[in-house]
C-alpha atoms as a PDB file:
ATOM      1  CA  ALA A   1      27.216 -36.375 -32.051  1.00  0.00           C
ATOM      2  CA  ALA A   2      30.183 -38.611 -31.364  1.00  0.00           C
ATOM      3  CA  ALA A   3      32.908 -39.395 -33.911  1.00  0.00           C
ATOM      4  CA  ALA A   4      33.037 -43.206 -34.071  1.00  0.00           C
ATOM      5  CA  LEU A   5      35.214 -46.098 -35.190  1.00  0.00           C
ATOM      6  CA  VAL A   6      34.896 -49.861 -35.125  1.00  0.00           C
ATOM      7  CA  PHE A   7      36.974 -51.354 -32.291  1.00  0.00           C
ATOM      8  CA  ALA A   8      37.031 -55.126 -31.661  1.00  0.00           C
ATOM      9  CA  GLY A   9      33.760 -55.413 -33.578  1.00  0.00           C
ATOM     10  CA  PHE A  10      32.021 -52.645 -31.592  1.00  0.00           C
ATOM     11  CA  ILE A  11      31.095 -49.210 -32.924  1.00  0.00           C
ATOM     12  CA  MET A  12      32.825 -46.968 -30.386  1.00  0.00           C
ATOM     13  CA  PRO A  13      32.986 -43.186 -29.982  1.00  0.00           C
ATOM     14  CA  VAL A  14      36.469 -41.691 -30.468  1.00  0.00           C
ATOM     15  CA  SER A  15      35.200 -38.510 -28.817  1.00  0.00           C
ATOM     16  CA  TYR A  16      31.907 -36.887 -27.840  1.00  0.00           C
ATOM     17  CA  SER A  17      33.126 -33.266 -27.738  1.00  0.00           C
ATOM     18  CA  SER A  18      36.911 -33.122 -28.159  1.00  0.00           C
ATOM     19  CA  ILE A  19      39.703 -35.394 -26.949  1.00  0.00           C
ATOM     20  CA  LEU A  20      41.339 -32.434 -25.172  1.00  0.00           C
ATOM     21  CA  ASP A  21      38.156 -31.393 -23.325  1.00  0.00           C
ATOM     22  CA  GLU A  22      37.384 -34.962 -22.315  1.00  0.00           C
ATOM     23  CA  HIS A  23      40.954 -35.573 -21.114  1.00  0.00           C
ATOM     24  CA  GLN A  24      40.905 -32.417 -18.954  1.00  0.00           C
ATOM     25  CA  ALA A  25      37.461 -33.306 -17.570  1.00  0.00           C
ATOM     26  CA  VAL A  26      38.860 -36.584 -16.196  1.00  0.00           C
ATOM     27  CA  ARG A  27      41.998 -34.916 -14.796  1.00  0.00           C
ATOM     28  CA  THR A  28      40.068 -32.078 -13.099  1.00  0.00           C
ATOM     29  CA  ALA A  29      36.486 -33.281 -12.475  1.00  0.00           C
ATOM     30  CA  ALA A  30      34.971 -36.515 -13.828  1.00  0.00           C
ATOM     31  CA  GLY A  31      34.477 -38.434 -17.053  1.00  0.00           C
ATOM     32  CA  LEU A  32      32.084 -41.236 -17.958  1.00  0.00           C
ATOM     33  CA  PHE A  33      33.204 -44.164 -20.150  1.00  0.00           C
ATOM     34  CA  ASP A  34      31.142 -46.844 -21.878  1.00  0.00           C
ATOM     35  CA  LEU A  35      33.305 -49.982 -21.568  1.00  0.00           C
ATOM     36  CA  THR A  36      30.604 -52.489 -22.475  1.00  0.00           C
ATOM     37  CA  HIS A  37      32.921 -53.990 -25.112  1.00  0.00           C
ATOM     38  CA  MET A  38      35.157 -55.512 -22.387  1.00  0.00           C
ATOM     39  CA  GLY A  39      34.876 -59.262 -21.731  1.00  0.00           C
ATOM     40  CA  GLU A  40      33.635 -60.862 -18.504  1.00  0.00           C
ATOM     41  CA  PHE A  41      34.402 -64.501 -17.629  1.00  0.00           C
ATOM     42  CA  TRP A  42      33.161 -66.228 -14.458  1.00  0.00           C
ATOM     43  CA  LEU A  43      35.127 -69.153 -12.989  1.00  0.00           C
ATOM     44  CA  GLU A  44      33.437 -71.087 -10.195  1.00  0.00           C
ATOM     45  CA  GLY A  45      33.997 -74.248  -8.186  1.00  0.00           C
ATOM     46  CA  ALA A  46      36.393 -75.911  -5.756  1.00  0.00           C
ATOM     47  CA  SER A  47      39.145 -75.926  -8.418  1.00  0.00           C
ATOM     48  CA  ALA A  48      38.583 -72.305  -9.575  1.00  0.00           C
ATOM     49  CA  LEU A  49      41.283 -70.732  -7.390  1.00  0.00           C
ATOM     50  CA  ALA A  50      43.921 -73.262  -8.495  1.00  0.00           C
ATOM     51  CA  ASP A  51      42.938 -72.679 -12.134  1.00  0.00           C
ATOM     52  CA  VAL A  52      43.154 -68.884 -11.917  1.00  0.00           C
ATOM     53  CA  GLN A  53      46.478 -69.184 -10.056  1.00  0.00           C
ATOM     54  CA  ARG A  54      47.880 -71.348 -12.848  1.00  0.00           C
ATOM     55  CA  LEU A  55      46.597 -69.005 -15.578  1.00  0.00           C
ATOM     56  CA  VAL A  56      47.880 -65.672 -14.245  1.00  0.00           C
ATOM     57  CA  THR A  57      51.230 -64.368 -12.996  1.00  0.00           C
ATOM     58  CA  ASN A  58      49.960 -62.409  -9.987  1.00  0.00           C
ATOM     59  CA  ASP A  59      48.971 -64.079  -6.692  1.00  0.00           C
ATOM     60  CA  VAL A  60      45.191 -64.443  -6.572  1.00  0.00           C
ATOM     61  CA  SER A  61      45.327 -66.509  -3.353  1.00  0.00           C
ATOM     62  CA  LYS A  62      46.087 -63.278  -1.461  1.00  0.00           C
ATOM     63  CA  LEU A  63      42.784 -61.683  -2.528  1.00  0.00           C
ATOM     64  CA  ALA A  64      40.077 -61.365   0.096  1.00  0.00           C
ATOM     65  CA  VAL A  65      36.474 -61.706  -1.065  1.00  0.00           C
ATOM     66  CA  GLY A  66      35.556 -58.235  -2.362  1.00  0.00           C
ATOM     67  CA  GLN A  67      39.060 -57.482  -3.627  1.00  0.00           C
ATOM     68  CA  ALA A  68      40.573 -57.240  -7.141  1.00  0.00           C
ATOM     69  CA  LEU A  69      44.011 -57.256  -8.753  1.00  0.00           C
ATOM     70  CA  TYR A  70      45.652 -56.490 -12.086  1.00  0.00           C
ATOM     71  CA  THR A  71      47.620 -59.267 -13.776  1.00  0.00           C
ATOM     72  CA  PRO A  72      49.012 -60.494 -17.074  1.00  0.00           C
ATOM     73  CA  MET A  73      48.150 -63.979 -18.328  1.00  0.00           C
ATOM     74  CA  CYS A  74      51.083 -65.584 -20.135  1.00  0.00           C
ATOM     75  CA  TYR A  75      51.829 -68.254 -22.707  1.00  0.00           C
ATOM     76  CA  ASP A  76      54.316 -71.043 -21.948  1.00  0.00           C
ATOM     77  CA  ASN A  77      57.098 -68.883 -23.439  1.00  0.00           C
ATOM     78  CA  GLY A  78      56.392 -66.018 -20.999  1.00  0.00           C
ATOM     79  CA  THR A  79      54.829 -63.673 -23.569  1.00  0.00           C
ATOM     80  CA  ILE A  80      51.423 -62.149 -22.894  1.00  0.00           C
ATOM     81  CA  VAL A  81      48.035 -63.644 -23.815  1.00  0.00           C
ATOM     82  CA  ASP A  82      46.268 -60.636 -22.260  1.00  0.00           C
ATOM     83  CA  ASP A  83      46.304 -58.310 -19.271  1.00  0.00           C
ATOM     84  CA  LEU A  84      43.208 -58.383 -17.099  1.00  0.00           C
ATOM     85  CA  LEU A  85      41.583 -57.695 -13.758  1.00  0.00           C
ATOM     86  CA  VAL A  86      40.622 -60.563 -11.444  1.00  0.00           C
ATOM     87  CA  TYR A  87      37.810 -59.943  -8.930  1.00  0.00           C
ATOM     88  CA  ARG A  88      37.215 -62.387  -6.071  1.00  0.00           C
ATOM     89  CA  PHE A  89      33.477 -62.750  -5.436  1.00  0.00           C
ATOM     90  CA  GLY A  90      33.698 -65.788  -3.166  1.00  0.00           C
ATOM     91  CA  GLU A  91      36.108 -68.426  -1.890  1.00  0.00           C
ATOM     92  CA  GLU A  92      35.380 -70.374  -5.089  1.00  0.00           C
ATOM     93  CA  ARG A  93      34.074 -67.626  -7.423  1.00  0.00           C
ATOM     94  CA  PHE A  94      36.150 -65.295  -9.613  1.00  0.00           C
ATOM     95  CA  LEU A  95      35.431 -62.748 -12.337  1.00  0.00           C
ATOM     96  CA  LEU A  96      38.048 -62.143 -15.054  1.00  0.00           C
ATOM     97  CA  VAL A  97      37.656 -58.899 -17.014  1.00  0.00           C
ATOM     98  CA  VAL A  98      39.530 -59.147 -20.307  1.00  0.00           C
ATOM     99  CA  ASN A  99      40.250 -56.875 -23.275  1.00  0.00           C
ATOM    100  CA  ALA A 100      37.571 -56.716 -25.970  1.00  0.00           C
ATOM    101  CA  SER A 101      39.963 -57.539 -28.805  1.00  0.00           C
ATOM    102  CA  ASN A 102      41.016 -60.729 -26.994  1.00  0.00           C
ATOM    103  CA  ILE A 103      37.664 -62.191 -25.871  1.00  0.00           C
ATOM    104  CA  ASP A 104      37.616 -65.144 -28.306  1.00  0.00           C
ATOM    105  CA  LYS A 105      41.326 -65.939 -27.922  1.00  0.00           C
ATOM    106  CA  ASP A 106      41.130 -65.637 -24.109  1.00  0.00           C
ATOM    107  CA  ARG A 107      38.001 -67.796 -23.872  1.00  0.00           C
ATOM    108  CA  LYS A 108      39.774 -70.597 -25.738  1.00  0.00           C
ATOM    109  CA  TRP A 109      43.009 -70.188 -23.747  1.00  0.00           C
ATOM    110  CA  VAL A 110      41.226 -70.166 -20.379  1.00  0.00           C
ATOM    111  CA  THR A 111      38.840 -73.050 -21.108  1.00  0.00           C
ATOM    112  CA  ASP A 112      41.714 -75.155 -22.511  1.00  0.00           C
ATOM    113  CA  HIS A 113      43.476 -74.830 -19.135  1.00  0.00           C
ATOM    114  CA  LEU A 114      40.626 -75.468 -16.676  1.00  0.00           C
ATOM    115  CA  CYS A 115      40.034 -78.470 -14.433  1.00  0.00           C
ATOM    116  CA  PRO A 116      36.878 -80.349 -15.503  1.00  0.00           C
ATOM    117  CA  ALA A 117      35.253 -79.391 -12.177  1.00  0.00           C
ATOM    118  CA  THR A 118      35.559 -75.625 -12.765  1.00  0.00           C
ATOM    119  CA  ARG A 119      32.434 -73.984 -14.194  1.00  0.00           C
ATOM    120  CA  PHE A 120      33.167 -71.367 -16.873  1.00  0.00           C
ATOM    121  CA  THR A 121      30.644 -68.746 -18.002  1.00  0.00           C
ATOM    122  CA  ASP A 122      31.241 -66.067 -20.619  1.00  0.00           C
ATOM    123  CA  ALA A 123      28.947 -63.216 -19.507  1.00  0.00           C
ATOM    124  CA  SER A 124      30.422 -60.643 -21.921  1.00  0.00           C
ATOM    125  CA  ASP A 125      27.234 -60.221 -23.971  1.00  0.00           C
ATOM    126  CA  GLU A 126      24.933 -59.817 -20.943  1.00  0.00           C
ATOM    127  CA  THR A 127      27.163 -57.434 -18.997  1.00  0.00           C
ATOM    128  CA  ALA A 128      27.602 -53.714 -19.570  1.00  0.00           C
ATOM    129  CA  LEU A 129      30.453 -51.778 -17.944  1.00  0.00           C
ATOM    130  CA  VAL A 130      30.385 -48.057 -17.192  1.00  0.00           C
ATOM    131  CA  ALA A 131      33.394 -46.266 -15.680  1.00  0.00           C
ATOM    132  CA  ILE A 132      33.377 -42.927 -13.893  1.00  0.00           C
ATOM    133  CA  GLN A 133      36.893 -41.548 -13.421  1.00  0.00           C
ATOM    134  CA  GLY A 134      38.398 -38.371 -11.986  1.00  0.00           C
ATOM    135  CA  PRO A 135      38.818 -36.492  -8.687  1.00  0.00           C
ATOM    136  CA  ARG A 136      35.052 -35.867  -8.398  1.00  0.00           C
ATOM    137  CA  ALA A 137      34.039 -39.431  -9.330  1.00  0.00           C
ATOM    138  CA  ILE A 138      33.594 -40.529  -5.714  1.00  0.00           C
ATOM    139  CA  GLU A 139      31.379 -37.567  -4.820  1.00  0.00           C
ATOM    140  CA  ILE A 140      29.173 -38.114  -7.897  1.00  0.00           C
ATOM    141  CA  LEU A 141      28.881 -41.896  -7.573  1.00  0.00           C
ATOM    142  CA  ALA A 142      28.300 -41.715  -3.802  1.00  0.00           C
ATOM    143  CA  GLY A 143      25.429 -39.296  -4.504  1.00  0.00           C
ATOM    144  CA  LEU A 144      23.711 -42.149  -6.318  1.00  0.00           C
ATOM    145  CA  PHE A 145      25.132 -45.071  -4.294  1.00  0.00           C
ATOM    146  CA  PRO A 146      26.283 -43.980  -0.788  1.00  0.00           C
ATOM    147  CA  ALA A 147      28.074 -47.345  -0.291  1.00  0.00           C
ATOM    148  CA  ALA A 148      30.595 -46.318  -2.986  1.00  0.00           C
ATOM    149  CA  SER A 149      32.351 -43.947  -0.573  1.00  0.00           C
ATOM    150  CA  ASP A 150      33.446 -46.919   1.581  1.00  0.00           C
ATOM    151  CA  VAL A 151      34.997 -48.896  -1.295  1.00  0.00           C
ATOM    152  CA  LYS A 152      38.811 -48.860  -1.145  1.00  0.00           C
ATOM    153  CA  PRO A 153      41.003 -48.932  -4.283  1.00  0.00           C
ATOM    154  CA  PHE A 154      40.984 -52.400  -5.905  1.00  0.00           C
ATOM    155  CA  HIS A 155      37.954 -53.424  -3.850  1.00  0.00           C
ATOM    156  CA  PHE A 156      34.294 -53.695  -4.855  1.00  0.00           C
ATOM    157  CA  THR A 157      30.796 -53.882  -3.408  1.00  0.00           C
ATOM    158  CA  LYS A 158      27.271 -54.667  -4.620  1.00  0.00           C
ATOM    159  CA  VAL A 159      24.513 -52.030  -4.715  1.00  0.00           C
ATOM    160  CA  PRO A 160      20.810 -52.171  -5.678  1.00  0.00           C
ATOM    161  CA  PHE A 161      19.634 -50.207  -8.732  1.00  0.00           C
ATOM    162  CA  GLU A 162      16.200 -50.254 -10.370  1.00  0.00           C
ATOM    163  CA  GLY A 163      15.350 -53.774  -9.270  1.00  0.00           C
ATOM    164  CA  THR A 164      18.743 -55.247 -10.126  1.00  0.00           C
ATOM    165  CA  GLU A 165      22.198 -55.473  -8.542  1.00  0.00           C
ATOM    166  CA  LEU A 166      25.280 -53.586  -9.694  1.00  0.00           C
ATOM    167  CA  VAL A 167      28.927 -54.242  -8.863  1.00  0.00           C
ATOM    168  CA  VAL A 168      30.797 -51.036  -8.001  1.00  0.00           C
ATOM    169  CA  ALA A 169      34.589 -51.499  -8.192  1.00  0.00           C
ATOM    170  CA  ARG A 170      37.210 -48.867  -7.369  1.00  0.00           C
ATOM    171  CA  THR A 171      39.352 -49.608 -10.406  1.00  0.00           C
ATOM    172  CA  GLY A 172      40.197 -47.782 -13.624  1.00  0.00           C
ATOM    173  CA  TYR A 173      42.562 -47.105 -16.507  1.00  0.00           C
ATOM    174  CA  THR A 174      43.205 -43.360 -16.359  1.00  0.00           C
ATOM    175  CA  GLY A 175      45.700 -42.637 -13.582  1.00  0.00           C
ATOM    176  CA  GLU A 176      42.888 -40.976 -11.595  1.00  0.00           C
ATOM    177  CA  ASP A 177      40.723 -42.198  -8.756  1.00  0.00           C
ATOM    178  CA  GLY A 178      37.501 -43.678 -10.034  1.00  0.00           C
ATOM    179  CA  PHE A 179      35.101 -46.569 -10.332  1.00  0.00           C
ATOM    180  CA  GLU A 180      33.997 -49.195 -12.821  1.00  0.00           C
ATOM    181  CA  VAL A 181      30.367 -50.317 -12.523  1.00  0.00           C
ATOM    182  CA  PHE A 182      29.151 -53.659 -13.873  1.00  0.00           C
ATOM    183  CA  VAL A 183      25.489 -53.494 -14.843  1.00  0.00           C
ATOM    184  CA  PRO A 184      23.099 -55.899 -16.613  1.00  0.00           C
ATOM    185  CA  ASN A 185      22.541 -54.679 -20.203  1.00  0.00           C
ATOM    186  CA  ALA A 186      18.874 -53.867 -19.605  1.00  0.00           C
ATOM    187  CA  ARG A 187      19.772 -51.239 -16.976  1.00  0.00           C
ATOM    188  CA  SER A 188      22.906 -49.792 -18.592  1.00  0.00           C
ATOM    189  CA  ARG A 189      21.178 -46.879 -20.321  1.00  0.00           C
ATOM    190  CA  ALA A 190      19.412 -45.871 -17.096  1.00  0.00           C
ATOM    191  CA  LEU A 191      22.724 -45.973 -15.198  1.00  0.00           C
ATOM    192  CA  TRP A 192      24.472 -43.884 -17.881  1.00  0.00           C
ATOM    193  CA  LYS A 193      21.705 -41.251 -17.701  1.00  0.00           C
ATOM    194  CA  ALA A 194      21.809 -41.195 -13.891  1.00  0.00           C
ATOM    195  CA  LEU A 195      25.574 -40.541 -13.915  1.00  0.00           C
ATOM    196  CA  CYS A 196      25.871 -38.248 -16.951  1.00  0.00           C
ATOM    197  CA  LYS A 197      24.946 -35.071 -15.066  1.00  0.00           C
ATOM    198  CA  GLY A 198      26.560 -31.962 -13.608  1.00  0.00           C
ATOM    199  CA  PRO A 199      30.344 -31.861 -14.011  1.00  0.00           C
ATOM    200  CA  VAL A 200      30.524 -35.307 -15.659  1.00  0.00           C
ATOM    201  CA  LYS A 201      31.555 -35.452 -19.329  1.00  0.00           C
ATOM    202  CA  PRO A 202      31.179 -38.543 -21.521  1.00  0.00           C
ATOM    203  CA  VAL A 203      34.624 -39.669 -22.737  1.00  0.00           C
ATOM    204  CA  GLY A 204      35.529 -41.569 -25.918  1.00  0.00           C
ATOM    205  CA  LEU A 205      38.388 -43.876 -26.932  1.00  0.00           C
ATOM    206  CA  GLY A 206      40.683 -40.971 -27.897  1.00  0.00           C
ATOM    207  CA  ALA A 207      40.961 -39.515 -24.405  1.00  0.00           C
ATOM    208  CA  ARG A 208      40.926 -43.011 -22.890  1.00  0.00           C
ATOM    209  CA  ASP A 209      44.170 -43.544 -24.816  1.00  0.00           C
ATOM    210  CA  THR A 210      45.839 -40.221 -23.871  1.00  0.00           C
ATOM    211  CA  LEU A 211      44.850 -40.677 -20.203  1.00  0.00           C
ATOM    212  CA  ARG A 212      46.250 -44.209 -19.932  1.00  0.00           C
ATOM    213  CA  MET A 213      49.393 -43.173 -21.877  1.00  0.00           C
ATOM    214  CA  GLU A 214      50.167 -40.364 -19.409  1.00  0.00           C
ATOM    215  CA  ALA A 215      49.762 -42.849 -16.544  1.00  0.00           C
ATOM    216  CA  ARG A 216      51.960 -45.389 -18.411  1.00  0.00           C
ATOM    217  CA  LEU A 217      49.279 -48.065 -18.350  1.00  0.00           C
ATOM    218  CA  PRO A 218      50.056 -50.571 -21.130  1.00  0.00           C
ATOM    219  CA  LEU A 219      47.617 -51.196 -23.970  1.00  0.00           C
ATOM    220  CA  TYR A 220      47.368 -54.754 -25.286  1.00  0.00           C
ATOM    221  CA  GLY A 221      48.175 -54.893 -28.995  1.00  0.00           C
ATOM    222  CA  ASN A 222      50.411 -51.817 -28.705  1.00  0.00           C
ATOM    223  CA  ASP A 223      52.740 -51.978 -25.688  1.00  0.00           C
ATOM    224  CA  ILE A 224      52.234 -55.628 -24.766  1.00  0.00           C
ATOM    225  CA  ASP A 225      51.387 -58.669 -26.881  1.00  0.00           C
ATOM    226  CA  ASP A 226      52.503 -62.214 -27.685  1.00  0.00           C
ATOM    227  CA  THR A 227      56.064 -61.009 -28.430  1.00  0.00           C
ATOM    228  CA  THR A 228      56.661 -59.223 -25.095  1.00  0.00           C
ATOM    229  CA  THR A 229      56.985 -60.420 -21.501  1.00  0.00           C
ATOM    230  CA  PRO A 230      55.666 -58.628 -18.398  1.00  0.00           C
ATOM    231  CA  LEU A 231      59.260 -58.111 -17.192  1.00  0.00           C
ATOM    232  CA  GLU A 232      60.243 -56.318 -20.419  1.00  0.00           C
ATOM    233  CA  ALA A 233      57.030 -54.276 -20.280  1.00  0.00           C
ATOM    234  CA  GLY A 234      57.853 -52.891 -16.827  1.00  0.00           C
ATOM    235  CA  ILE A 235      54.951 -54.649 -15.111  1.00  0.00           C
ATOM    236  CA  GLY A 236      57.201 -57.151 -13.336  1.00  0.00           C
ATOM    237  CA  TRP A 237      55.537 -56.202 -10.027  1.00  0.00           C
ATOM    238  CA  THR A 238      52.583 -58.337 -11.201  1.00  0.00           C
ATOM    239  CA  VAL A 239      54.766 -61.429 -11.664  1.00  0.00           C
ATOM    240  CA  LYS A 240      55.012 -63.396  -8.414  1.00  0.00           C
ATOM    241  CA  LEU A 241      57.846 -65.830  -9.073  1.00  0.00           C
ATOM    242  CA  ASP A 242      57.614 -67.124  -5.488  1.00  0.00           C
ATOM    243  CA  LYS A 243      54.038 -68.442  -5.857  1.00  0.00           C
ATOM    244  CA  SER A 244      53.017 -71.935  -6.996  1.00  0.00           C
ATOM    245  CA  ASP A 245      53.621 -72.894 -10.615  1.00  0.00           C
ATOM    246  CA  PHE A 246      51.917 -70.833 -13.308  1.00  0.00           C
ATOM    247  CA  ILE A 247      52.044 -70.852 -17.104  1.00  0.00           C
ATOM    248  CA  GLY A 248      55.268 -69.183 -18.265  1.00  0.00           C
ATOM    249  CA  LYS A 249      56.914 -69.178 -14.830  1.00  0.00           C
ATOM    250  CA  GLY A 250      60.068 -71.052 -15.848  1.00  0.00           C
ATOM    251  CA  VAL A 251      60.840 -68.703 -18.743  1.00  0.00           C
ATOM    252  CA  LEU A 252      60.136 -65.574 -16.684  1.00  0.00           C
ATOM    253  CA  LEU A 253      62.325 -66.842 -13.830  1.00  0.00           C
ATOM    254  CA  ALA A 254      65.172 -67.458 -16.294  1.00  0.00           C
ATOM    255  CA  GLN A 255      64.667 -64.022 -17.853  1.00  0.00           C
ATOM    256  CA  GLN A 256      64.817 -62.367 -14.442  1.00  0.00           C
ATOM    257  CA  GLN A 257      67.997 -64.249 -13.507  1.00  0.00           C
ATOM    258  CA  LYS A 258      69.727 -63.608 -16.833  1.00  0.00           C
ATOM    259  CA  GLY A 259      68.702 -59.946 -17.035  1.00  0.00           C
ATOM    260  CA  LEU A 260      66.635 -58.176 -19.675  1.00  0.00           C
ATOM    261  CA  ALA A 261      67.878 -57.306 -23.163  1.00  0.00           C
ATOM    262  CA  ARG A 262      65.228 -54.604 -23.670  1.00  0.00           C
ATOM    263  CA  LYS A 263      62.722 -52.569 -21.691  1.00  0.00           C
ATOM    264  CA  LEU A 264      59.593 -50.571 -22.421  1.00  0.00           C
ATOM    265  CA  PHE A 265      60.687 -46.998 -21.754  1.00  0.00           C
ATOM    266  CA  GLY A 266      59.244 -43.502 -22.022  1.00  0.00           C
ATOM    267  CA  PHE A 267      60.419 -40.700 -24.283  1.00  0.00           C
ATOM    268  CA  LYS A 268      59.433 -37.156 -25.176  1.00  0.00           C
ATOM    269  CA  MET A 269      59.838 -35.541 -28.568  1.00  0.00           C
ATOM    270  CA  VAL A 270      62.423 -32.765 -28.770  1.00  0.00           C
ATOM    271  CA  GLY A 271      61.766 -32.056 -32.460  1.00  0.00           C
ATOM    272  CA  ARG A 272      58.320 -31.527 -33.957  1.00  0.00           C
ATOM    273  CA  GLY A 273      56.042 -34.472 -34.577  1.00  0.00           C
ATOM    274  CA  ILE A 274      54.043 -37.190 -32.854  1.00  0.00           C
ATOM    275  CA  ALA A 275      55.577 -40.663 -32.758  1.00  0.00           C
ATOM    276  CA  ARG A 276      53.052 -43.380 -33.566  1.00  0.00           C
ATOM    277  CA  HIS A 277      52.884 -47.139 -33.029  1.00  0.00           C
ATOM    278  CA  GLY A 278      55.452 -48.881 -35.253  1.00  0.00           C
ATOM    279  CA  CYS A 279      57.784 -45.903 -35.852  1.00  0.00           C
ATOM    280  CA  ASP A 280      61.504 -46.812 -35.816  1.00  0.00           C
ATOM    281  CA  VAL A 281      63.626 -45.631 -32.877  1.00  0.00           C
ATOM    282  CA  LEU A 282      67.236 -44.816 -33.803  1.00  0.00           C
ATOM    283  CA  SER A 283      70.438 -44.301 -31.865  1.00  0.00           C
ATOM    284  CA  GLY A 284      73.543 -43.192 -33.748  1.00  0.00           C
ATOM    285  CA  GLY A 285      71.755 -43.757 -37.047  1.00  0.00           C
ATOM    286  CA  THR A 286      70.916 -47.400 -36.259  1.00  0.00           C
ATOM    287  CA  VAL A 287      67.401 -48.735 -35.626  1.00  0.00           C
ATOM    288  CA  VAL A 288      67.364 -49.935 -31.993  1.00  0.00           C
ATOM    289  CA  GLY A 289      63.652 -50.364 -31.347  1.00  0.00           C
ATOM    290  CA  HIS A 290      60.094 -49.417 -32.233  1.00  0.00           C
ATOM    291  CA  VAL A 291      57.500 -47.080 -30.774  1.00  0.00           C
ATOM    292  CA  THR A 292      54.600 -48.939 -29.172  1.00  0.00           C
ATOM    293  CA  SER A 293      52.434 -45.920 -28.240  1.00  0.00           C
ATOM    294  CA  GLY A 294      52.717 -42.209 -28.893  1.00  0.00           C
ATOM    295  CA  SER A 295      50.501 -39.169 -28.544  1.00  0.00           C
ATOM    296  CA  PHE A 296      50.263 -35.556 -27.502  1.00  0.00           C
ATOM    297  CA  SER A 297      50.103 -35.326 -23.694  1.00  0.00           C
ATOM    298  CA  PRO A 298      47.439 -32.736 -22.829  1.00  0.00           C
ATOM    299  CA  THR A 299      48.736 -32.478 -19.246  1.00  0.00           C
ATOM    300  CA  LEU A 300      52.436 -32.009 -20.126  1.00  0.00           C
ATOM    301  CA  LYS A 301      51.666 -30.208 -23.412  1.00  0.00           C
ATOM    302  CA  GLU A 302      54.410 -32.304 -25.023  1.00  0.00           C
ATOM    303  CA  ASN A 303      54.498 -35.188 -27.482  1.00  0.00           C
ATOM    304  CA  VAL A 304      55.394 -38.368 -25.601  1.00  0.00           C
ATOM    305  CA  GLY A 305      55.556 -42.092 -26.206  1.00  0.00           C
ATOM    306  CA  LEU A 306      56.704 -45.552 -25.175  1.00  0.00           C
ATOM    307  CA  ALA A 307      59.183 -47.795 -26.985  1.00  0.00           C
ATOM    308  CA  TYR A 308      61.110 -51.010 -26.395  1.00  0.00           C
ATOM    309  CA  LEU A 309      64.758 -49.964 -26.057  1.00  0.00           C
ATOM    310  CA  PRO A 310      67.983 -51.917 -25.418  1.00  0.00           C
ATOM    311  CA  VAL A 311      68.706 -51.749 -21.661  1.00  0.00           C
ATOM    312  CA  ALA A 312      71.812 -49.624 -22.297  1.00  0.00           C
ATOM    313  CA  LEU A 313      69.521 -46.860 -23.585  1.00  0.00           C
ATOM    314  CA  ALA A 314      66.690 -47.453 -21.110  1.00  0.00           C
ATOM    315  CA  SER A 315      67.480 -44.710 -18.613  1.00  0.00           C
ATOM    316  CA  PRO A 316      66.337 -41.063 -18.511  1.00  0.00           C
ATOM    317  CA  GLY A 317      68.115 -38.339 -20.487  1.00  0.00           C
ATOM    318  CA  VAL A 318      69.382 -40.431 -23.422  1.00  0.00           C
ATOM    319  CA  ALA A 319      69.224 -38.749 -26.854  1.00  0.00           C
ATOM    320  CA  ILE A 320      67.426 -40.882 -29.442  1.00  0.00           C
ATOM    321  CA  SER A 321      65.540 -40.125 -32.637  1.00  0.00           C
ATOM    322  CA  ILE A 322      62.239 -41.327 -34.039  1.00  0.00           C
ATOM    323  CA  ARG A 323      61.598 -41.853 -37.736  1.00  0.00           C
ATOM    324  CA  ILE A 324      58.352 -40.014 -38.476  1.00  0.00           C
ATOM    325  CA  ARG A 325      57.254 -40.001 -42.140  1.00  0.00           C
ATOM    326  CA  GLU A 326      60.805 -40.765 -43.379  1.00  0.00           C
ATOM    327  CA  LYS A 327      62.340 -37.990 -41.261  1.00  0.00           C
ATOM    328  CA  GLU A 328      64.518 -38.543 -38.193  1.00  0.00           C
ATOM    329  CA  VAL A 329      63.154 -36.382 -35.379  1.00  0.00           C
ATOM    330  CA  ALA A 330      65.067 -35.765 -32.131  1.00  0.00           C
ATOM    331  CA  ALA A 331      63.688 -37.251 -28.902  1.00  0.00           C
ATOM    332  CA  GLU A 332      64.886 -37.932 -25.366  1.00  0.00           C
ATOM    333  CA  THR A 333      64.202 -40.759 -22.918  1.00  0.00           C
ATOM    334  CA  VAL A 334      62.318 -39.761 -19.756  1.00  0.00           C
ATOM    335  CA  LYS A 335      61.102 -41.311 -16.526  1.00  0.00           C
ATOM    336  CA  THR A 336      57.509 -42.518 -16.442  1.00  0.00           C
ATOM    337  CA  PRO A 337      54.679 -42.241 -15.575  1.00  0.00           C
ATOM    338  CA  PHE A 338      54.402 -38.979 -17.500  1.00  0.00           C
ATOM    339  CA  TYR A 339      51.622 -37.993 -15.086  1.00  0.00           C
ATOM    340  CA  LYS A 340      51.009 -38.947 -11.469  1.00  0.00           C
ATOM    341  CA  ARG A 341      48.030 -37.546  -9.593  1.00  0.00           C
ATOM    342  CA  SER A 342      48.651 -35.807  -6.292  1.00  0.00           C
ATOM    343  CA  ARG A 343      47.075 -37.998  -3.632  1.00  0.00           C
END
């Protein structure tokens, strides 16, 4: 039986067996994730491309049909509404996959900024999402859907399954190769059963967090939110300041020209203890920042984390300390990602 918690209004498993076992399964073989809580928005029509371009910082015009990209969506002040994936299904048809905790906020933000001609559909409640991630994911998924083996990273294809159509995308949130499969709710249980065989382990939210942490993939509400910009968060590669105007562009351009005051940076604990979200970061006895994410890294077998640090401290090998339960514990800044798979 899975240990569960309520996340964004969904009852979600923290783990099915153990976080450690599930983490290692994804790093060495394959893990299966139920991501049905994620949000899915369709934008369609002649004005859809212009609308998506204005909403997000990355350049959606460069996407071919059948291709996807990762992008933040910003407020006018350059801080982050959400981070999402955009899939191009047609010249005038786009799918936005948003974080579960932000569905209502994102729906309002997106619909408030659409041309009247753009059709908006929130398909979150009808759409289930199952991810299979890990070095053996391709072999397992291709056993069920041979077309999966031809899908390149950040591309997708459609496959038939039990009288319906699935979307198989080569995307993920673990630092491993893998796929995310969009399936109508009525067929989601059948798909889960078809994939949950052999070396595949079901994976809960606990290992999802340690996997994405090791790969330095930001989590909305922890590492990025409406107080941080993509440039500060180290995802500036998703901000295309040379494309047509988008919401927040002016502020982000000014921030890039002026230079950053702080950066999201990695650290490892030298003393004993796990740094958690909200812990103070100190340098020379003074609070200089806060931890955004922290956990034990099963791959490195060390306690690691991310924190916003003044740029003067945001380079590897700097001694800092983290206040954990009223005690100052020694830590050191390190380069990230903490884990990078061998290709």
